[in-house]
Amino acid sequence: MKTSAMKAVLSAILATVVLGLAGCSGMTPQGRDTAIGAGVGAIGGNALTGGSTAGTLGGAAIGGYIGHEYGKNR
């Protein structure tokens, strides 16, 4: 994937995560941390695998798990 296309995809994902989190005001801290972790993981997985769907979904799953576990300690 070309660099400009990658930047556009990552920007779209980031905008979606930010707008999605705006609706999280009623969430528990653990739920919010899970959602944030999944969003960050999806972006990281996408970037590390060159835009692969499996990488994006894997990153989201791993990030969501880490966020969920982190939220337990808050």
Protein backbone atom coordinates (compact mmCIF):
# COMPACT_ATOMS: atom_id res chain seq x y z
CA MET A 1 0.00 0.00 0.00
CA LYS A 2 1.33 3.45 -0.83
CA THR A 3 2.37 5.75 1.98
CA SER A 4 -0.30 8.37 1.22
CA ALA A 5 -3.02 5.72 1.12
CA MET A 6 -1.74 4.26 4.40
CA LYS A 7 -1.86 7.68 6.04
CA ALA A 8 -5.42 8.18 4.80
CA VAL A 9 -6.52 4.81 6.18
CA LEU A 10 -4.86 5.43 9.54
CA SER A 11 -6.37 8.90 9.74
CA ALA A 12 -9.83 7.48 9.03
CA ILE A 13 -9.39 4.80 11.68
CA LEU A 14 -8.16 7.32 14.22
CA ALA A 15 -11.07 9.68 13.48
CA THR A 16 -13.52 6.80 13.88
CA VAL A 17 -11.98 5.82 17.22
CA VAL A 18 -12.05 9.39 18.51
CA LEU A 19 -15.65 9.96 17.43
CA GLY A 20 -16.64 6.57 18.80
CA LEU A 21 -15.10 7.35 22.16
CA ALA A 22 -17.12 10.56 22.36
CA GLY A 23 -20.11 8.32 23.02
CA CYS A 24 -18.34 6.53 25.87
CA SER A 25 -19.15 9.02 28.60
CA GLY A 26 -21.42 6.54 30.38
CA MET A 27 -18.98 3.64 30.18
CA THR A 28 -17.13 2.14 33.09
CA PRO A 29 -13.40 2.86 33.20
CA GLN A 30 -12.67 -0.77 32.32
CA GLY A 31 -15.01 -0.68 29.32
CA ARG A 32 -13.49 2.59 28.15
CA ASP A 33 -9.95 1.19 28.51
CA THR A 34 -10.99 -1.89 26.51
CA ALA A 35 -12.36 0.28 23.69
CA ILE A 36 -9.29 2.51 23.65
CA GLY A 37 -6.99 -0.52 23.64
CA ALA A 38 -8.89 -2.08 20.75
CA GLY A 39 -8.67 1.15 18.73
CA VAL A 40 -4.98 1.64 19.35
CA GLY A 41 -4.31 -2.04 18.68
CA ALA A 42 -6.20 -1.89 15.39
CA ILE A 43 -4.14 1.07 14.25
CA GLY A 44 -0.91 -0.61 15.32
CA GLY A 45 -1.82 -3.92 13.72
CA ASN A 46 -2.78 -2.17 10.51
CA ALA A 47 0.48 -0.23 10.40
CA LEU A 48 2.69 -3.21 11.26
CA THR A 49 1.15 -5.53 8.67
CA GLY A 50 0.85 -3.07 5.81
CA GLY A 51 -2.92 -2.79 5.95
CA SER A 52 -3.72 -6.47 6.32
CA THR A 53 -7.24 -7.18 7.58
CA ALA A 54 -5.96 -10.01 9.76
CA GLY A 55 -3.30 -7.72 11.25
CA THR A 56 -5.86 -5.01 11.98
CA LEU A 57 -8.29 -7.43 13.63
CA GLY A 58 -5.49 -9.19 15.53
CA GLY A 59 -4.18 -5.87 16.78
CA ALA A 60 -7.66 -4.85 17.88
CA ALA A 61 -8.13 -8.12 19.77
CA ILE A 62 -4.76 -7.90 21.50
CA GLY A 63 -5.18 -4.20 22.29
CA GLY A 64 -8.70 -4.77 23.61
CA TYR A 65 -7.45 -7.53 25.89
CA ILE A 66 -4.60 -5.39 27.20
CA GLY A 67 -6.97 -2.46 27.78
CA HIS A 68 -9.44 -4.73 29.56
CA GLU A 69 -6.75 -6.09 31.88
CA TYR A 70 -5.35 -2.60 32.49
CA GLY A 71 -8.85 -1.39 33.39
CA LYS A 72 -9.12 -3.99 36.15
CA ASN A 73 -6.34 -2.27 38.09
CA ARG A 74 -7.88 1.20 38.03
